C-alpha atoms as a PDB file:
ATOM      1  CA  MET A   1     151.047 141.274 136.460  1.00  0.00           C
ATOM      2  CA  GLU A   2     150.960 141.706 140.256  1.00  0.00           C
ATOM      3  CA  GLU A   3     148.542 139.663 142.329  1.00  0.00           C
ATOM      4  CA  ASN A   4     146.125 141.428 144.653  1.00  0.00           C
ATOM      5  CA  VAL A   5     147.355 140.565 148.108  1.00  0.00           C
ATOM      6  CA  VAL A   6     145.153 141.051 151.156  1.00  0.00           C
ATOM      7  CA  ARG A   7     147.296 142.722 153.825  1.00  0.00           C
ATOM      8  CA  MET A   8     146.210 141.630 157.269  1.00  0.00           C
ATOM      9  CA  PRO A   9     147.617 143.560 160.234  1.00  0.00           C
ATOM     10  CA  LEU A  10     149.988 141.400 162.238  1.00  0.00           C
ATOM     11  CA  LEU A  11     150.345 141.085 165.985  1.00  0.00           C
ATOM     12  CA  GLY A  12     152.630 143.822 167.276  1.00  0.00           C
ATOM     13  CA  ASP A  13     151.925 146.135 164.325  1.00  0.00           C
ATOM     14  CA  ASP A  14     150.806 149.688 164.934  1.00  0.00           C
ATOM     15  CA  TYR A  15     147.065 150.046 164.415  1.00  0.00           C
ATOM     16  CA  PRO A  16     146.769 151.805 161.015  1.00  0.00           C
ATOM     17  CA  GLN A  17     146.231 155.551 161.221  1.00  0.00           C
ATOM     18  CA  MET A  18     142.756 156.458 159.993  1.00  0.00           C
ATOM     19  CA  ASN A  19     140.326 159.349 160.153  1.00  0.00           C
ATOM     20  CA  VAL A  20     136.855 157.882 160.315  1.00  0.00           C
ATOM     21  CA  THR A  21     133.228 158.956 160.344  1.00  0.00           C
ATOM     22  CA  THR A  22     131.215 157.392 163.154  1.00  0.00           C
ATOM     23  CA  THR A  23     127.806 157.625 164.761  1.00  0.00           C
ATOM     24  CA  HIS A  24     129.501 159.756 167.448  1.00  0.00           C
ATOM     25  CA  GLY A  25     131.197 162.093 164.955  1.00  0.00           C
ATOM     26  CA  GLU A  26     134.659 162.180 163.404  1.00  0.00           C
ATOM     27  CA  MET A  27     137.441 160.184 165.071  1.00  0.00           C
ATOM     28  CA  ASN A  28     141.148 159.657 164.546  1.00  0.00           C
ATOM     29  CA  LEU A  29     142.398 156.178 165.332  1.00  0.00           C
ATOM     30  CA  PRO A  30     144.408 155.302 167.247  1.00  0.00           C
ATOM     31  CA  GLY A  31     145.235 158.880 168.274  1.00  0.00           C
ATOM     32  CA  ASP A  32     141.942 159.767 169.952  1.00  0.00           C
ATOM     33  CA  LEU A  33     142.189 156.680 172.180  1.00  0.00           C
ATOM     34  CA  LYS A  34     145.840 156.978 173.198  1.00  0.00           C
ATOM     35  CA  GLY A  35     146.294 155.686 176.725  1.00  0.00           C
ATOM     36  CA  SER A  36     143.286 153.379 176.523  1.00  0.00           C
ATOM     37  CA  TRP A  37     142.801 149.847 175.317  1.00  0.00           C
ATOM     38  CA  PHE A  38     140.214 149.540 172.567  1.00  0.00           C
ATOM     39  CA  VAL A  39     138.454 146.838 170.574  1.00  0.00           C
ATOM     40  CA  VAL A  40     137.437 147.455 166.966  1.00  0.00           C
ATOM     41  CA  PHE A  41     135.052 144.844 165.599  1.00  0.00           C
ATOM     42  CA  SER A  42     133.748 144.755 162.043  1.00  0.00           C
ATOM     43  CA  HIS A  43     130.455 143.307 160.869  1.00  0.00           C
ATOM     44  CA  PRO A  44     129.254 142.457 157.343  1.00  0.00           C
ATOM     45  CA  ALA A  45     126.125 144.622 157.220  1.00  0.00           C
ATOM     46  CA  ASP A  46     123.555 146.548 159.225  1.00  0.00           C
ATOM     47  CA  PHE A  47     120.011 145.159 159.538  1.00  0.00           C
ATOM     48  CA  THR A  48     121.140 141.537 159.477  1.00  0.00           C
ATOM     49  CA  PRO A  49     120.218 138.968 162.146  1.00  0.00           C
ATOM     50  CA  VAL A  50     123.653 137.691 163.230  1.00  0.00           C
ATOM     51  CA  CYS A  51     125.115 141.197 163.385  1.00  0.00           C
ATOM     52  CA  THR A  52     122.159 142.382 165.445  1.00  0.00           C
ATOM     53  CA  THR A  53     122.739 139.626 168.001  1.00  0.00           C
ATOM     54  CA  GLU A  54     126.395 140.591 168.166  1.00  0.00           C
ATOM     55  CA  PHE A  55     125.716 144.269 168.777  1.00  0.00           C
ATOM     56  CA  VAL A  56     123.321 143.437 171.596  1.00  0.00           C
ATOM     57  CA  GLY A  57     125.947 141.058 173.007  1.00  0.00           C
ATOM     58  CA  PHE A  58     128.696 143.683 172.922  1.00  0.00           C
ATOM     59  CA  GLN A  59     126.442 146.372 174.399  1.00  0.00           C
ATOM     60  CA  ASN A  60     125.460 144.076 177.265  1.00  0.00           C
ATOM     61  CA  ARG A  61     129.168 143.825 178.168  1.00  0.00           C
ATOM     62  CA  VAL A  62     130.087 147.507 177.942  1.00  0.00           C
ATOM     63  CA  ALA A  63     130.347 147.753 181.745  1.00  0.00           C
ATOM     64  CA  GLU A  64     132.843 144.853 181.758  1.00  0.00           C
ATOM     65  CA  PHE A  65     134.962 146.548 179.084  1.00  0.00           C
ATOM     66  CA  ASP A  66     134.756 149.848 180.995  1.00  0.00           C
ATOM     67  CA  LYS A  67     136.250 148.148 184.063  1.00  0.00           C
ATOM     68  CA  LEU A  68     139.154 147.130 181.834  1.00  0.00           C
ATOM     69  CA  ASN A  69     139.646 150.706 180.523  1.00  0.00           C
ATOM     70  CA  THR A  70     138.701 149.360 177.108  1.00  0.00           C
ATOM     71  CA  LYS A  71     136.578 151.168 174.516  1.00  0.00           C
ATOM     72  CA  LEU A  72     134.358 149.380 172.004  1.00  0.00           C
ATOM     73  CA  ILE A  73     134.046 150.515 168.384  1.00  0.00           C
ATOM     74  CA  GLY A  74     131.894 148.834 165.731  1.00  0.00           C
ATOM     75  CA  MET A  75     132.537 149.060 161.989  1.00  0.00           C
ATOM     76  CA  SER A  76     131.122 148.149 158.602  1.00  0.00           C
ATOM     77  CA  VAL A  77     131.116 149.634 155.113  1.00  0.00           C
ATOM     78  CA  ASP A  78     127.506 150.785 155.505  1.00  0.00           C
ATOM     79  CA  GLN A  79     127.001 154.549 155.508  1.00  0.00           C
ATOM     80  CA  VAL A  80     126.641 156.377 158.804  1.00  0.00           C
ATOM     81  CA  PHE A  81     122.916 157.082 158.312  1.00  0.00           C
ATOM     82  CA  SER A  82     122.356 153.327 158.044  1.00  0.00           C
ATOM     83  CA  HIS A  83     124.251 152.779 161.316  1.00  0.00           C
ATOM     84  CA  ILE A  84     122.133 155.441 163.032  1.00  0.00           C
ATOM     85  CA  LYS A  85     118.856 153.975 161.784  1.00  0.00           C
ATOM     86  CA  TRP A  86     119.918 150.444 162.783  1.00  0.00           C
ATOM     87  CA  ALA A  87     120.907 151.599 166.280  1.00  0.00           C
ATOM     88  CA  GLU A  88     117.499 153.297 166.572  1.00  0.00           C
ATOM     89  CA  TRP A  89     115.806 150.053 165.494  1.00  0.00           C
ATOM     90  CA  ILE A  90     117.735 148.031 168.088  1.00  0.00           C
ATOM     91  CA  LYS A  91     116.689 150.456 170.822  1.00  0.00           C
ATOM     92  CA  GLU A  92     113.041 150.578 169.713  1.00  0.00           C
ATOM     93  CA  LYS A  93     112.502 146.878 168.992  1.00  0.00           C
ATOM     94  CA  LEU A  94     114.917 145.189 171.403  1.00  0.00           C
ATOM     95  CA  GLY A  95     115.187 147.727 174.202  1.00  0.00           C
ATOM     96  CA  VAL A  96     118.984 147.972 173.971  1.00  0.00           C
ATOM     97  CA  GLU A  97     120.687 151.331 173.430  1.00  0.00           C
ATOM     98  CA  ILE A  98     123.989 151.103 171.545  1.00  0.00           C
ATOM     99  CA  THR A  99     126.328 153.491 173.359  1.00  0.00           C
ATOM    100  CA  PHE A 100     129.598 152.843 171.503  1.00  0.00           C
ATOM    101  CA  PRO A 101     130.488 154.478 168.150  1.00  0.00           C
ATOM    102  CA  ILE A 102     130.047 152.648 164.852  1.00  0.00           C
ATOM    103  CA  ILE A 103     132.470 153.483 162.042  1.00  0.00           C
ATOM    104  CA  ALA A 104     131.197 153.995 158.505  1.00  0.00           C
ATOM    105  CA  ALA A 105     134.193 152.489 156.712  1.00  0.00           C
ATOM    106  CA  ASN A 106     135.145 152.624 153.056  1.00  0.00           C
ATOM    107  CA  ASP A 107     137.132 150.132 150.999  1.00  0.00           C
ATOM    108  CA  THR A 108     140.407 151.914 151.823  1.00  0.00           C
ATOM    109  CA  ILE A 109     139.835 151.484 155.556  1.00  0.00           C
ATOM    110  CA  ALA A 110     138.591 147.921 155.080  1.00  0.00           C
ATOM    111  CA  ASN A 111     141.718 147.020 153.105  1.00  0.00           C
ATOM    112  CA  LYS A 112     144.005 148.522 155.772  1.00  0.00           C
ATOM    113  CA  LEU A 113     142.509 146.024 158.201  1.00  0.00           C
ATOM    114  CA  GLY A 114     142.270 143.013 155.875  1.00  0.00           C
ATOM    115  CA  LEU A 115     138.473 142.929 156.107  1.00  0.00           C
ATOM    116  CA  LEU A 116     137.710 142.121 152.469  1.00  0.00           C
ATOM    117  CA  HIS A 117     138.278 138.436 151.744  1.00  0.00           C
ATOM    118  CA  PRO A 118     137.457 137.690 148.082  1.00  0.00           C
ATOM    119  CA  GLY A 119     136.688 134.055 148.824  1.00  0.00           C
ATOM    120  CA  LYS A 120     133.917 135.117 151.226  1.00  0.00           C
ATOM    121  CA  GLY A 121     132.105 137.625 148.993  1.00  0.00           C
ATOM    122  CA  THR A 122     132.062 141.415 148.885  1.00  0.00           C
ATOM    123  CA  ASN A 123     130.997 142.201 152.462  1.00  0.00           C
ATOM    124  CA  THR A 124     133.512 142.711 155.242  1.00  0.00           C
ATOM    125  CA  VAL A 125     134.240 139.659 157.363  1.00  0.00           C
ATOM    126  CA  ARG A 126     133.747 139.651 161.136  1.00  0.00           C
ATOM    127  CA  ALA A 127     137.070 140.787 162.536  1.00  0.00           C
ATOM    128  CA  VAL A 128     138.203 141.725 166.033  1.00  0.00           C
ATOM    129  CA  PHE A 129     141.247 143.871 166.828  1.00  0.00           C
ATOM    130  CA  VAL A 130     142.379 144.385 170.404  1.00  0.00           C
ATOM    131  CA  VAL A 131     144.679 147.411 170.624  1.00  0.00           C
ATOM    132  CA  ASP A 132     146.753 148.443 173.627  1.00  0.00           C
ATOM    133  CA  PRO A 133     147.298 151.970 175.044  1.00  0.00           C
ATOM    134  CA  LYS A 134     150.371 152.402 172.832  1.00  0.00           C
ATOM    135  CA  GLY A 135     148.337 151.758 169.691  1.00  0.00           C
ATOM    136  CA  LYS A 136     149.797 148.276 169.106  1.00  0.00           C
ATOM    137  CA  ILE A 137     147.617 145.447 167.789  1.00  0.00           C
ATOM    138  CA  ARG A 138     147.752 142.721 170.419  1.00  0.00           C
ATOM    139  CA  LEU A 139     145.118 140.266 169.213  1.00  0.00           C
ATOM    140  CA  THR A 140     143.225 139.642 165.984  1.00  0.00           C
ATOM    141  CA  ILE A 141     140.413 137.227 165.187  1.00  0.00           C
ATOM    142  CA  TYR A 142     138.660 136.779 161.838  1.00  0.00           C
ATOM    143  CA  TYR A 143     135.311 135.028 161.575  1.00  0.00           C
ATOM    144  CA  PRO A 144     133.304 134.162 158.439  1.00  0.00           C
ATOM    145  CA  GLN A 145     130.035 135.970 157.837  1.00  0.00           C
ATOM    146  CA  GLU A 146     127.908 133.010 158.882  1.00  0.00           C
ATOM    147  CA  ILE A 147     129.439 132.621 162.383  1.00  0.00           C
ATOM    148  CA  GLY A 148     128.662 135.035 165.211  1.00  0.00           C
ATOM    149  CA  ARG A 149     131.325 135.861 167.781  1.00  0.00           C
ATOM    150  CA  ASN A 150     131.588 134.890 171.445  1.00  0.00           C
ATOM    151  CA  MET A 151     131.752 138.203 173.338  1.00  0.00           C
ATOM    152  CA  ASP A 152     132.775 136.529 176.599  1.00  0.00           C
ATOM    153  CA  GLU A 153     135.915 135.245 174.882  1.00  0.00           C
ATOM    154  CA  ILE A 154     136.801 138.786 173.778  1.00  0.00           C
ATOM    155  CA  VAL A 155     136.347 140.063 177.351  1.00  0.00           C
ATOM    156  CA  ARG A 156     138.480 137.147 178.587  1.00  0.00           C
ATOM    157  CA  ALA A 157     141.197 137.885 176.027  1.00  0.00           C
ATOM    158  CA  VAL A 158     141.448 141.549 177.061  1.00  0.00           C
ATOM    159  CA  LYS A 159     141.640 140.553 180.745  1.00  0.00           C
ATOM    160  CA  ALA A 160     144.315 137.977 179.924  1.00  0.00           C
ATOM    161  CA  LEU A 161     146.413 140.416 177.896  1.00  0.00           C
ATOM    162  CA  GLN A 162     146.313 142.993 180.672  1.00  0.00           C
ATOM    163  CA  LEU A 163     147.139 140.407 183.321  1.00  0.00           C
ATOM    164  CA  SER A 164     150.050 139.103 181.247  1.00  0.00           C
ATOM    165  CA  ASP A 165     151.418 142.632 180.692  1.00  0.00           C
ATOM    166  CA  ASN A 166     151.102 143.615 184.338  1.00  0.00           C
ATOM    167  CA  ASN A 167     152.609 140.450 185.802  1.00  0.00           C
ATOM    168  CA  GLY A 168     154.994 139.075 183.183  1.00  0.00           C
ATOM    169  CA  VAL A 169     153.222 135.717 183.004  1.00  0.00           C
ATOM    170  CA  ALA A 170     151.466 133.543 180.426  1.00  0.00           C
ATOM    171  CA  VAL A 171     147.814 132.544 180.619  1.00  0.00           C
ATOM    172  CA  PRO A 172     146.666 128.929 180.111  1.00  0.00           C
ATOM    173  CA  ALA A 173     143.865 127.614 177.920  1.00  0.00           C
ATOM    174  CA  ASN A 174     140.355 128.489 179.075  1.00  0.00           C
ATOM    175  CA  TRP A 175     141.749 130.718 181.835  1.00  0.00           C
ATOM    176  CA  PRO A 176     140.504 131.294 184.502  1.00  0.00           C
ATOM    177  CA  GLU A 177     139.005 127.784 184.348  1.00  0.00           C
ATOM    178  CA  ASN A 178     141.888 125.740 182.997  1.00  0.00           C
ATOM    179  CA  ASP A 179     141.541 121.951 183.196  1.00  0.00           C
ATOM    180  CA  LEU A 180     144.970 121.513 184.823  1.00  0.00           C
ATOM    181  CA  ILE A 181     145.737 124.593 186.903  1.00  0.00           C
ATOM    182  CA  GLY A 182     142.426 126.421 187.313  1.00  0.00           C
ATOM    183  CA  ASP A 183     142.885 130.189 187.604  1.00  0.00           C
ATOM    184  CA  LYS A 184     146.656 130.045 188.134  1.00  0.00           C
ATOM    185  CA  VAL A 185     149.114 131.539 185.637  1.00  0.00           C
ATOM    186  CA  ILE A 186     152.229 130.140 183.983  1.00  0.00           C
ATOM    187  CA  ILE A 187     155.748 131.265 184.868  1.00  0.00           C
ATOM    188  CA  PRO A 188     157.981 132.269 181.911  1.00  0.00           C
ATOM    189  CA  PRO A 189     160.499 129.611 180.815  1.00  0.00           C
ATOM    190  CA  ALA A 190     163.787 129.200 182.641  1.00  0.00           C
ATOM    191  CA  LYS A 191     166.684 130.928 180.880  1.00  0.00           C
ATOM    192  CA  THR A 192     169.590 129.094 182.493  1.00  0.00           C
ATOM    193  CA  MET A 193     170.347 125.573 183.693  1.00  0.00           C
ATOM    194  CA  ALA A 194     170.713 126.902 187.234  1.00  0.00           C
ATOM    195  CA  ASP A 195     167.282 128.480 187.066  1.00  0.00           C
ATOM    196  CA  ALA A 196     165.785 125.257 185.702  1.00  0.00           C
ATOM    197  CA  ALA A 197     167.353 123.235 188.517  1.00  0.00           C
ATOM    198  CA  THR A 198     165.647 125.302 191.230  1.00  0.00           C
ATOM    199  CA  ARG A 199     162.326 125.987 189.542  1.00  0.00           C
ATOM    200  CA  LEU A 200     160.313 123.375 191.423  1.00  0.00           C
ATOM    201  CA  GLU A 201     161.700 124.658 194.732  1.00  0.00           C
ATOM    202  CA  LYS A 202     160.206 128.080 194.031  1.00  0.00           C
ATOM    203  CA  TYR A 203     156.930 127.276 192.279  1.00  0.00           C
ATOM    204  CA  GLU A 204     154.280 124.641 191.842  1.00  0.00           C
ATOM    205  CA  GLY A 205     154.698 122.676 188.642  1.00  0.00           C
ATOM    206  CA  TYR A 206     154.643 119.461 186.658  1.00  0.00           C
ATOM    207  CA  ASP A 207     158.269 119.925 185.611  1.00  0.00           C
ATOM    208  CA  TRP A 208     160.807 122.767 185.529  1.00  0.00           C
ATOM    209  CA  TRP A 209     159.443 123.901 182.149  1.00  0.00           C
ATOM    210  CA  PHE A 210     155.795 123.878 183.318  1.00  0.00           C
ATOM    211  CA  CYS A 211     155.564 125.905 186.510  1.00  0.00           C
ATOM    212  CA  TYR A 212     152.704 128.067 187.679  1.00  0.00           C
ATOM    213  CA  LYS A 213     151.506 130.263 190.508  1.00  0.00           C
ATOM    214  CA  SER A 214     148.494 132.096 191.894  1.00  0.00           C
ATOM    215  CA  LEU A 215     148.174 135.867 191.594  1.00  0.00           C
END
């Protein structure tokens, strides 16, 4: 008898093809967003306190994501009419208009993204998927239902991914406020002994394997 295995998308995988119903109408992902970065984030349920704080948090950062050519898309297994009513409630009671689409997922979609974790109940977990313009999954984060996300970290991660892609560098912990090198970025490792021998002549660094620079 085969075990039920939760398939979580892996880094570098193509974002799974899916036709979805949203509060903005039907969408095909990732096709409709080709050429743009996008962030899909799932939440356990509409009309719940933690999820409400998250939606307000994401909406308050839409302008920051726009500057990064990055679209936001919410998702849960609630039906679309529930999403619409919840968005209306947020606007009426909290004065925040949700401008990004919210997907009404089903179990098939949830399973494609590894959102149903049996050990955490029947609701979808809080997941984040950052997808690049080629439709590749570049970052995933899964949170339990009881812990709300840090939206600033998701903005930071998208900025860091784009900076890394555009400049061929690595990004340190807590960038751009790293404890050791501040907002500087890390040079890729040396590939030859000759390169290693001259590294500290070319760049700042603690050693030839830990060199960095400003952008």
